[in-house]
Amino acid sequence: MSVDPGICGMKARIIVEKRNVSVNVNIESKCSDVKAFSSNLKSLSINEVLKPLSENRIYREAAKFLRHPSCPIPCAVLKAIEVELGLALKKDVHLTFCS
């Protein structure tokens, strides 16, 4: 999955691979915050990523490393995991500001 987060210009590529009862996550980005975030997400149990947002490991790790709370990368990671696990269909997501 590729992500264009907007004004920062720090595009990212998210790769997720299912491994039995876990998923491996790798995020390629030039953003140092996203790199730090990615380093703590290498292997996640399926149970960790299916929890509500306040208990979800992806969002807890994002809170530690990402300076911008509106960064779309955590949401994209979760969406990529859901697709890899067969819990969601591949469909692009768009955020569009109305004029």
PDB file of N, CA and C in Angstrom:
ATOM      1  N   MET A   1       0.852  -1.161   0.000  1.00  0.00           N
ATOM      2  CA  MET A   1       0.000   0.000   0.000  1.00  0.00           C
ATOM      3  C   MET A   1       0.901   1.228   0.000  1.00  0.00           C
ATOM      4  N   SER A   2       0.515   2.222  -0.777  1.00  0.00           N
ATOM      5  CA  SER A   2       1.256   3.477  -0.759  1.00  0.00           C
ATOM      6  C   SER A   2       0.385   4.557  -0.136  1.00  0.00           C
ATOM      7  N   VAL A   3       1.040   5.478   0.573  1.00  0.00           N
ATOM      8  CA  VAL A   3       0.337   6.545   1.273  1.00  0.00           C
ATOM      9  C   VAL A   3       0.999   7.871   0.934  1.00  0.00           C
ATOM     10  N   ASP A   4       0.181   8.824   0.496  1.00  0.00           N
ATOM     11  CA  ASP A   4       0.630  10.193   0.306  1.00  0.00           C
ATOM     12  C   ASP A   4      -0.039  11.003   1.412  1.00  0.00           C
ATOM     13  N   PRO A   5       0.693  11.320   2.481  1.00  0.00           N
ATOM     14  CA  PRO A   5       0.080  11.932   3.652  1.00  0.00           C
ATOM     15  C   PRO A   5      -0.257  13.411   3.514  1.00  0.00           C
ATOM     16  N   GLY A   6       0.076  14.025   2.403  1.00  0.00           N
ATOM     17  CA  GLY A   6      -0.310  15.419   2.216  1.00  0.00           C
ATOM     18  C   GLY A   6       0.852  16.381   2.214  1.00  0.00           C
ATOM     19  N   ILE A   7       0.679  17.476   2.927  1.00  0.00           N
ATOM     20  CA  ILE A   7       1.580  18.626   2.847  1.00  0.00           C
ATOM     21  C   ILE A   7       3.027  18.310   3.230  1.00  0.00           C
ATOM     22  N   CYS A   8       3.244  17.350   4.114  1.00  0.00           N
ATOM     23  CA  CYS A   8       4.627  17.030   4.502  1.00  0.00           C
ATOM     24  C   CYS A   8       5.407  16.406   3.354  1.00  0.00           C
ATOM     25  N   GLY A   9       4.710  15.778   2.413  1.00  0.00           N
ATOM     26  CA  GLY A   9       5.360  15.182   1.260  1.00  0.00           C
ATOM     27  C   GLY A   9       6.116  13.901   1.545  1.00  0.00           C
ATOM     28  N   MET A  10       6.018  13.379   2.760  1.00  0.00           N
ATOM     29  CA  MET A  10       6.756  12.179   3.146  1.00  0.00           C
ATOM     30  C   MET A  10       5.928  10.929   2.841  1.00  0.00           C
ATOM     31  N   LYS A  11       5.934  10.548   1.575  1.00  0.00           N
ATOM     32  CA  LYS A  11       5.168   9.376   1.162  1.00  0.00           C
ATOM     33  C   LYS A  11       5.700   8.129   1.850  1.00  0.00           C
ATOM     34  N   ALA A  12       4.841   7.121   1.945  1.00  0.00           N
ATOM     35  CA  ALA A  12       5.230   5.876   2.614  1.00  0.00           C
ATOM     36  C   ALA A  12       4.721   4.688   1.823  1.00  0.00           C
ATOM     37  N   ARG A  13       5.418   3.602   1.975  1.00  0.00           N
ATOM     38  CA  ARG A  13       4.994   2.315   1.410  1.00  0.00           C
ATOM     39  C   ARG A  13       4.876   1.340   2.571  1.00  0.00           C
ATOM     40  N   ILE A  14       3.716   0.702   2.683  1.00  0.00           N
ATOM     41  CA  ILE A  14       3.443  -0.225   3.785  1.00  0.00           C
ATOM     42  C   ILE A  14       3.351  -1.634   3.222  1.00  0.00           C
ATOM     43  N   ILE A  15       4.157  -2.524   3.791  1.00  0.00           N
ATOM     44  CA  ILE A  15       4.155  -3.931   3.379  1.00  0.00           C
ATOM     45  C   ILE A  15       3.758  -4.775   4.586  1.00  0.00           C
ATOM     46  N   VAL A  16       2.727  -5.598   4.413  1.00  0.00           N
ATOM     47  CA  VAL A  16       2.237  -6.458   5.489  1.00  0.00           C
ATOM     48  C   VAL A  16       2.226  -7.896   4.994  1.00  0.00           C
ATOM     49  N   GLU A  17       2.735  -8.808   5.821  1.00  0.00           N
ATOM     50  CA  GLU A  17       2.731 -10.235   5.484  1.00  0.00           C
ATOM     51  C   GLU A  17       2.186 -11.025   6.658  1.00  0.00           C
ATOM     52  N   LYS A  18       1.206 -11.864   6.372  1.00  0.00           N
ATOM     53  CA  LYS A  18       0.622 -12.718   7.416  1.00  0.00           C
ATOM     54  C   LYS A  18       1.572 -13.873   7.720  1.00  0.00           C
ATOM     55  N   ARG A  19       1.761 -14.132   9.010  1.00  0.00           N
ATOM     56  CA  ARG A  19       2.605 -15.243   9.481  1.00  0.00           C
ATOM     57  C   ARG A  19       1.847 -15.970  10.590  1.00  0.00           C
ATOM     58  N   ASN A  20       1.133 -17.025  10.260  1.00  0.00           N
ATOM     59  CA  ASN A  20       0.343 -17.801  11.225  1.00  0.00           C
ATOM     60  C   ASN A  20      -0.607 -16.900  12.011  1.00  0.00           C
ATOM     61  N   VAL A  21      -0.314 -16.634  13.284  1.00  0.00           N
ATOM     62  CA  VAL A  21      -1.203 -15.818  14.128  1.00  0.00           C
ATOM     63  C   VAL A  21      -0.644 -14.412  14.347  1.00  0.00           C
ATOM     64  N   SER A  22       0.241 -13.983  13.441  1.00  0.00           N
ATOM     65  CA  SER A  22       0.795 -12.638  13.540  1.00  0.00           C
ATOM     66  C   SER A  22       0.945 -12.051  12.140  1.00  0.00           C
ATOM     67  N   VAL A  23       1.289 -10.780  12.099  1.00  0.00           N
ATOM     68  CA  VAL A  23       1.596 -10.117  10.840  1.00  0.00           C
ATOM     69  C   VAL A  23       2.926  -9.395  10.988  1.00  0.00           C
ATOM     70  N   ASN A  24       3.699  -9.397   9.924  1.00  0.00           N
ATOM     71  CA  ASN A  24       4.931  -8.623   9.870  1.00  0.00           C
ATOM     72  C   ASN A  24       4.625  -7.339   9.122  1.00  0.00           C
ATOM     73  N   VAL A  25       5.068  -6.223   9.669  1.00  0.00           N
ATOM     74  CA  VAL A  25       4.807  -4.914   9.079  1.00  0.00           C
ATOM     75  C   VAL A  25       6.128  -4.219   8.800  1.00  0.00           C
ATOM     76  N   ASN A  26       6.245  -3.655   7.603  1.00  0.00           N
ATOM     77  CA  ASN A  26       7.408  -2.853   7.254  1.00  0.00           C
ATOM     78  C   ASN A  26       6.896  -1.583   6.580  1.00  0.00           C
ATOM     79  N   ILE A  27       7.397  -0.440   7.026  1.00  0.00           N
ATOM     80  CA  ILE A  27       7.010   0.834   6.429  1.00  0.00           C
ATOM     81  C   ILE A  27       8.261   1.499   5.877  1.00  0.00           C
ATOM     82  N   GLU A  28       8.246   1.785   4.594  1.00  0.00           N
ATOM     83  CA  GLU A  28       9.340   2.502   3.953  1.00  0.00           C
ATOM     84  C   GLU A  28       8.933   3.962   3.840  1.00  0.00           C
ATOM     85  N   SER A  29       9.745   4.852   4.378  1.00  0.00           N
ATOM     86  CA  SER A  29       9.455   6.282   4.350  1.00  0.00           C
ATOM     87  C   SER A  29      10.724   7.059   4.634  1.00  0.00           C
ATOM     88  N   LYS A  30      10.779   8.285   4.161  1.00  0.00           N
ATOM     89  CA  LYS A  30      11.905   9.174   4.473  1.00  0.00           C
ATOM     90  C   LYS A  30      11.682   9.896   5.796  1.00  0.00           C
ATOM     91  N   CYS A  31      10.477   9.808   6.348  1.00  0.00           N
ATOM     92  CA  CYS A  31      10.148  10.490   7.602  1.00  0.00           C
ATOM     93  C   CYS A  31      10.791   9.756   8.786  1.00  0.00           C
ATOM     94  N   SER A  32      11.585  10.473   9.571  1.00  0.00           N
ATOM     95  CA  SER A  32      12.255   9.844  10.716  1.00  0.00           C
ATOM     96  C   SER A  32      11.246   9.379  11.771  1.00  0.00           C
ATOM     97  N   ASP A  33      10.145  10.105  11.930  1.00  0.00           N
ATOM     98  CA  ASP A  33       9.117   9.685  12.888  1.00  0.00           C
ATOM     99  C   ASP A  33       8.470   8.375  12.453  1.00  0.00           C
ATOM    100  N   VAL A  34       8.149   8.269  11.183  1.00  0.00           N
ATOM    101  CA  VAL A  34       7.529   7.044  10.655  1.00  0.00           C
ATOM    102  C   VAL A  34       8.511   5.883  10.737  1.00  0.00           C
ATOM    103  N   LYS A  35       9.788   6.129  10.497  1.00  0.00           N
ATOM    104  CA  LYS A  35      10.798   5.070  10.625  1.00  0.00           C
ATOM    105  C   LYS A  35      10.851   4.550  12.060  1.00  0.00           C
ATOM    106  N   ALA A  36      10.839   5.446  13.034  1.00  0.00           N
ATOM    107  CA  ALA A  36      10.862   5.033  14.442  1.00  0.00           C
ATOM    108  C   ALA A  36       9.596   4.255  14.788  1.00  0.00           C
ATOM    109  N   PHE A  37       8.457   4.743  14.328  1.00  0.00           N
ATOM    110  CA  PHE A  37       7.175   4.063  14.525  1.00  0.00           C
ATOM    111  C   PHE A  37       7.233   2.656  13.928  1.00  0.00           C
ATOM    112  N   SER A  38       7.729   2.559  12.714  1.00  0.00           N
ATOM    113  CA  SER A  38       7.809   1.273  12.013  1.00  0.00           C
ATOM    114  C   SER A  38       8.703   0.276  12.742  1.00  0.00           C
ATOM    115  N   SER A  39       9.777   0.748  13.347  1.00  0.00           N
ATOM    116  CA  SER A  39      10.718  -0.162  14.009  1.00  0.00           C
ATOM    117  C   SER A  39      10.071  -0.909  15.175  1.00  0.00           C
ATOM    118  N   ASN A  40       8.996  -0.367  15.742  1.00  0.00           N
ATOM    119  CA  ASN A  40       8.298  -1.032  16.848  1.00  0.00           C
ATOM    120  C   ASN A  40       7.109  -1.858  16.385  1.00  0.00           C
ATOM    121  N   LEU A  41       6.917  -1.986  15.086  1.00  0.00           N
ATOM    122  CA  LEU A  41       5.773  -2.733  14.561  1.00  0.00           C
ATOM    123  C   LEU A  41       6.180  -3.954  13.747  1.00  0.00           C
ATOM    124  N   LYS A  42       7.393  -4.390  13.869  1.00  0.00           N
ATOM    125  CA  LYS A  42       7.881  -5.477  13.015  1.00  0.00           C
ATOM    126  C   LYS A  42       6.971  -6.703  13.033  1.00  0.00           C
ATOM    127  N   SER A  43       6.560  -7.139  14.203  1.00  0.00           N
ATOM    128  CA  SER A  43       5.691  -8.307  14.318  1.00  0.00           C
ATOM    129  C   SER A  43       4.572  -7.998  15.311  1.00  0.00           C
ATOM    130  N   LEU A  44       3.350  -8.185  14.855  1.00  0.00           N
ATOM    131  CA  LEU A  44       2.178  -7.902  15.693  1.00  0.00           C
ATOM    132  C   LEU A  44       1.276  -9.127  15.719  1.00  0.00           C
ATOM    133  N   SER A  45       0.778  -9.469  16.892  1.00  0.00           N
ATOM    134  CA  SER A  45      -0.193 -10.553  16.950  1.00  0.00           C
ATOM    135  C   SER A  45      -1.513 -10.036  16.384  1.00  0.00           C
ATOM    136  N   ILE A  46      -2.275 -10.919  15.801  1.00  0.00           N
ATOM    137  CA  ILE A  46      -3.557 -10.537  15.224  1.00  0.00           C
ATOM    138  C   ILE A  46      -4.464  -9.950  16.299  1.00  0.00           C
ATOM    139  N   ASN A  47      -4.409 -10.491  17.510  1.00  0.00           N
ATOM    140  CA  ASN A  47      -5.234  -9.978  18.604  1.00  0.00           C
ATOM    141  C   ASN A  47      -4.908  -8.525  18.938  1.00  0.00           C
ATOM    142  N   GLU A  48      -3.631  -8.133  18.820  1.00  0.00           N
ATOM    143  CA  GLU A  48      -3.220  -6.763  19.139  1.00  0.00           C
ATOM    144  C   GLU A  48      -3.826  -5.737  18.184  1.00  0.00           C
ATOM    145  N   VAL A  49      -4.006  -6.117  16.940  1.00  0.00           N
ATOM    146  CA  VAL A  49      -4.465  -5.153  15.946  1.00  0.00           C
ATOM    147  C   VAL A  49      -5.983  -5.117  15.786  1.00  0.00           C
ATOM    148  N   LEU A  50      -6.671  -6.051  16.395  1.00  0.00           N
ATOM    149  CA  LEU A  50      -8.126  -6.072  16.291  1.00  0.00           C
ATOM    150  C   LEU A  50      -8.813  -5.439  17.497  1.00  0.00           C
ATOM    151  N   LYS A  51      -8.040  -4.818  18.361  1.00  0.00           N
ATOM    152  CA  LYS A  51      -8.586  -4.167  19.550  1.00  0.00           C
ATOM    153  C   LYS A  51      -9.114  -2.772  19.203  1.00  0.00           C
ATOM    154  N   PRO A  52      -9.962  -2.204  20.073  1.00  0.00           N
ATOM    155  CA  PRO A  52     -10.434  -0.828  19.863  1.00  0.00           C
ATOM    156  C   PRO A  52      -9.253   0.152  19.809  1.00  0.00           C
ATOM    157  N   LEU A  53      -9.473   1.319  19.224  1.00  0.00           N
ATOM    158  CA  LEU A  53      -8.388   2.289  19.026  1.00  0.00           C
ATOM    159  C   LEU A  53      -7.595   2.592  20.285  1.00  0.00           C
ATOM    160  N   SER A  54      -8.268   2.790  21.407  1.00  0.00           N
ATOM    161  CA  SER A  54      -7.565   3.159  22.637  1.00  0.00           C
ATOM    162  C   SER A  54      -6.675   2.038  23.172  1.00  0.00           C
ATOM    163  N   GLU A  55      -6.925   0.815  22.749  1.00  0.00           N
ATOM    164  CA  GLU A  55      -6.134  -0.335  23.199  1.00  0.00           C
ATOM    165  C   GLU A  55      -5.275  -0.915  22.083  1.00  0.00           C
ATOM    166  N   ASN A  56      -5.397  -0.373  20.899  1.00  0.00           N
ATOM    167  CA  ASN A  56      -4.736  -0.915  19.719  1.00  0.00           C
ATOM    168  C   ASN A  56      -3.251  -0.573  19.723  1.00  0.00           C
ATOM    169  N   ARG A  57      -2.412  -1.572  19.555  1.00  0.00           N
ATOM    170  CA  ARG A  57      -0.963  -1.360  19.618  1.00  0.00           C
ATOM    171  C   ARG A  57      -0.476  -0.389  18.548  1.00  0.00           C
ATOM    172  N   ILE A  58      -1.069  -0.420  17.378  1.00  0.00           N
ATOM    173  CA  ILE A  58      -0.645   0.485  16.316  1.00  0.00           C
ATOM    174  C   ILE A  58      -0.807   1.935  16.754  1.00  0.00           C
ATOM    175  N   TYR A  59      -1.952   2.259  17.317  1.00  0.00           N
ATOM    176  CA  TYR A  59      -2.184   3.639  17.737  1.00  0.00           C
ATOM    177  C   TYR A  59      -1.396   4.000  18.998  1.00  0.00           C
ATOM    178  N   ARG A  60      -1.170   3.035  19.872  1.00  0.00           N
ATOM    179  CA  ARG A  60      -0.335   3.319  21.050  1.00  0.00           C
ATOM    180  C   ARG A  60       1.094   3.627  20.632  1.00  0.00           C
ATOM    181  N   GLU A  61       1.633   2.862  19.667  1.00  0.00           N
ATOM    182  CA  GLU A  61       2.987   3.113  19.172  1.00  0.00           C
ATOM    183  C   GLU A  61       3.040   4.429  18.399  1.00  0.00           C
ATOM    184  N   ALA A  62       1.996   4.718  17.638  1.00  0.00           N
ATOM    185  CA  ALA A  62       1.951   5.980  16.894  1.00  0.00           C
ATOM    186  C   ALA A  62       2.025   7.166  17.850  1.00  0.00           C
ATOM    187  N   ALA A  63       1.338   7.059  18.976  1.00  0.00           N
ATOM    188  CA  ALA A  63       1.336   8.148  19.959  1.00  0.00           C
ATOM    189  C   ALA A  63       2.738   8.405  20.515  1.00  0.00           C
ATOM    190  N   LYS A  64       3.566   7.392  20.550  1.00  0.00           N
ATOM    191  CA  LYS A  64       4.935   7.539  21.058  1.00  0.00           C
ATOM    192  C   LYS A  64       5.869   8.235  20.059  1.00  0.00           C
ATOM    193  N   PHE A  65       5.638   8.012  18.770  1.00  0.00           N
ATOM    194  CA  PHE A  65       6.628   8.407  17.769  1.00  0.00           C
ATOM    195  C   PHE A  65       6.188   9.479  16.782  1.00  0.00           C
ATOM    196  N   LEU A  66       4.910   9.577  16.492  1.00  0.00           N
ATOM    197  CA  LEU A  66       4.454  10.512  15.459  1.00  0.00           C
ATOM    198  C   LEU A  66       4.055  11.842  16.075  1.00  0.00           C
ATOM    199  N   ARG A  67       4.658  12.917  15.597  1.00  0.00           N
ATOM    200  CA  ARG A  67       4.406  14.245  16.143  1.00  0.00           C
ATOM    201  C   ARG A  67       3.051  14.818  15.742  1.00  0.00           C
ATOM    202  N   HIS A  68       2.512  14.369  14.629  1.00  0.00           N
ATOM    203  CA  HIS A  68       1.268  14.923  14.112  1.00  0.00           C
ATOM    204  C   HIS A  68       0.129  13.929  14.314  1.00  0.00           C
ATOM    205  N   PRO A  69      -0.816  14.238  15.187  1.00  0.00           N
ATOM    206  CA  PRO A  69      -1.906  13.300  15.465  1.00  0.00           C
ATOM    207  C   PRO A  69      -2.785  13.012  14.254  1.00  0.00           C
ATOM    208  N   SER A  70      -2.738  13.876  13.235  1.00  0.00           N
ATOM    209  CA  SER A  70      -3.546  13.628  12.042  1.00  0.00           C
ATOM    210  C   SER A  70      -2.808  12.830  10.971  1.00  0.00           C
ATOM    211  N   CYS A  71      -1.605  12.366  11.257  1.00  0.00           N
ATOM    212  CA  CYS A  71      -0.856  11.557  10.297  1.00  0.00           C
ATOM    213  C   CYS A  71      -1.684  10.336   9.903  1.00  0.00           C
ATOM    214  N   PRO A  72      -1.877  10.100   8.605  1.00  0.00           N
ATOM    215  CA  PRO A  72      -2.707   8.984   8.160  1.00  0.00           C
ATOM    216  C   PRO A  72      -2.008   7.621   8.164  1.00  0.00           C
ATOM    217  N   ILE A  73      -0.729   7.587   8.483  1.00  0.00           N
ATOM    218  CA  ILE A  73       0.018   6.335   8.418  1.00  0.00           C
ATOM    219  C   ILE A  73      -0.547   5.253   9.344  1.00  0.00           C
ATOM    220  N   PRO A  74      -0.859   5.535  10.620  1.00  0.00           N
ATOM    221  CA  PRO A  74      -1.401   4.471  11.475  1.00  0.00           C
ATOM    222  C   PRO A  74      -2.691   3.858  10.928  1.00  0.00           C
ATOM    223  N   CYS A  75      -3.577   4.686  10.436  1.00  0.00           N
ATOM    224  CA  CYS A  75      -4.824   4.190   9.844  1.00  0.00           C
ATOM    225  C   CYS A  75      -4.520   3.304   8.634  1.00  0.00           C
ATOM    226  N   ALA A  76      -3.573   3.743   7.806  1.00  0.00           N
ATOM    227  CA  ALA A  76      -3.196   2.975   6.623  1.00  0.00           C
ATOM    228  C   ALA A  76      -2.586   1.622   6.999  1.00  0.00           C
ATOM    229  N   VAL A  77      -1.783   1.597   8.045  1.00  0.00           N
ATOM    230  CA  VAL A  77      -1.194   0.339   8.522  1.00  0.00           C
ATOM    231  C   VAL A  77      -2.313  -0.620   8.934  1.00  0.00           C
ATOM    232  N   LEU A  78      -3.248  -0.111   9.695  1.00  0.00           N
ATOM    233  CA  LEU A  78      -4.355  -0.943  10.152  1.00  0.00           C
ATOM    234  C   LEU A  78      -5.178  -1.459   8.970  1.00  0.00           C
ATOM    235  N   LYS A  79      -5.449  -0.604   8.000  1.00  0.00           N
ATOM    236  CA  LYS A  79      -6.200  -0.998   6.806  1.00  0.00           C
ATOM    237  C   LYS A  79      -5.430  -2.071   6.022  1.00  0.00           C
ATOM    238  N   ALA A  80      -4.120  -1.904   5.871  1.00  0.00           N
ATOM    239  CA  ALA A  80      -3.304  -2.883   5.149  1.00  0.00           C
ATOM    240  C   ALA A  80      -3.316  -4.239   5.861  1.00  0.00           C
ATOM    241  N   ILE A  81      -3.287  -4.209   7.177  1.00  0.00           N
ATOM    242  CA  ILE A  81      -3.348  -5.453   7.953  1.00  0.00           C
ATOM    243  C   ILE A  81      -4.695  -6.133   7.753  1.00  0.00           C
ATOM    244  N   GLU A  82      -5.769  -5.372   7.824  1.00  0.00           N
ATOM    245  CA  GLU A  82      -7.109  -5.939   7.624  1.00  0.00           C
ATOM    246  C   GLU A  82      -7.225  -6.601   6.257  1.00  0.00           C
ATOM    247  N   VAL A  83      -6.695  -5.961   5.231  1.00  0.00           N
ATOM    248  CA  VAL A  83      -6.733  -6.539   3.880  1.00  0.00           C
ATOM    249  C   VAL A  83      -5.915  -7.824   3.833  1.00  0.00           C
ATOM    250  N   GLU A  84      -4.718  -7.800   4.404  1.00  0.00           N
ATOM    251  CA  GLU A  84      -3.854  -8.995   4.406  1.00  0.00           C
ATOM    252  C   GLU A  84      -4.513 -10.167   5.132  1.00  0.00           C
ATOM    253  N   LEU A  85      -5.288  -9.869   6.174  1.00  0.00           N
ATOM    254  CA  LEU A  85      -5.960 -10.921   6.949  1.00  0.00           C
ATOM    255  C   LEU A  85      -7.297 -11.336   6.343  1.00  0.00           C
ATOM    256  N   GLY A  86      -7.697 -10.686   5.266  1.00  0.00           N
ATOM    257  CA  GLY A  86      -8.969 -11.015   4.630  1.00  0.00           C
ATOM    258  C   GLY A  86     -10.170 -10.433   5.358  1.00  0.00           C
ATOM    259  N   LEU A  87      -9.952  -9.414   6.184  1.00  0.00           N
ATOM    260  CA  LEU A  87     -11.031  -8.786   6.950  1.00  0.00           C
ATOM    261  C   LEU A  87     -11.587  -7.549   6.259  1.00  0.00           C
ATOM    262  N   ALA A  88     -10.947  -7.110   5.195  1.00  0.00           N
ATOM    263  CA  ALA A  88     -11.404  -5.957   4.423  1.00  0.00           C
ATOM    264  C   ALA A  88     -11.007  -6.178   2.973  1.00  0.00           C
ATOM    265  N   LEU A  89     -11.725  -5.528   2.087  1.00  0.00           N
ATOM    266  CA  LEU A  89     -11.404  -5.603   0.661  1.00  0.00           C
ATOM    267  C   LEU A  89     -10.489  -4.447   0.290  1.00  0.00           C
ATOM    268  N   LYS A  90      -9.691  -4.649  -0.757  1.00  0.00           N
ATOM    269  CA  LYS A  90      -8.822  -3.590  -1.250  1.00  0.00           C
ATOM    270  C   LYS A  90      -9.686  -2.517  -1.895  1.00  0.00           C
ATOM    271  N   LYS A  91      -9.683  -1.357  -1.305  1.00  0.00           N
ATOM    272  CA  LYS A  91     -10.423  -0.218  -1.847  1.00  0.00           C
ATOM    273  C   LYS A  91      -9.704   1.037  -1.376  1.00  0.00           C
ATOM    274  N   ASP A  92      -9.365   1.915  -2.305  1.00  0.00           N
ATOM    275  CA  ASP A  92      -8.666   3.147  -1.949  1.00  0.00           C
ATOM    276  C   ASP A  92      -9.508   4.006  -1.024  1.00  0.00           C
ATOM    277  N   VAL A  93      -8.815   4.717  -0.140  1.00  0.00           N
ATOM    278  CA  VAL A  93      -9.434   5.655   0.790  1.00  0.00           C
ATOM    279  C   VAL A  93      -8.976   7.048   0.382  1.00  0.00           C
ATOM    280  N   HIS A  94      -9.874   8.014   0.403  1.00  0.00           N
ATOM    281  CA  HIS A  94      -9.520   9.384   0.019  1.00  0.00           C
ATOM    282  C   HIS A  94     -10.015  10.357   1.085  1.00  0.00           C
ATOM    283  N   LEU A  95      -9.203  11.340   1.372  1.00  0.00           N
ATOM    284  CA  LEU A  95      -9.606  12.481   2.200  1.00  0.00           C
ATOM    285  C   LEU A  95      -9.543  13.686   1.262  1.00  0.00           C
ATOM    286  N   THR A  96     -10.652  14.332   1.069  1.00  0.00           N
ATOM    287  CA  THR A  96     -10.693  15.455   0.130  1.00  0.00           C
ATOM    288  C   THR A  96     -11.299  16.667   0.817  1.00  0.00           C
ATOM    289  N   PHE A  97     -10.571  17.784   0.779  1.00  0.00           N
ATOM    290  CA  PHE A  97     -11.112  19.017   1.346  1.00  0.00           C
ATOM    291  C   PHE A  97     -12.059  19.644   0.337  1.00  0.00           C
ATOM    292  N   CYS A  98     -13.231  19.985   0.803  1.00  0.00           N
ATOM    293  CA  CYS A  98     -14.210  20.653  -0.056  1.00  0.00           C
ATOM    294  C   CYS A  98     -13.912  22.149  -0.085  1.00  0.00           C
ATOM    295  N   SER A  99     -14.136  22.777  -1.234  1.00  0.00           N
ATOM    296  CA  SER A  99     -13.849  24.208  -1.331  1.00  0.00           C
ATOM    297  C   SER A  99     -15.072  25.034  -1.004  1.00  0.00           C
TER     298      SER A  99
END
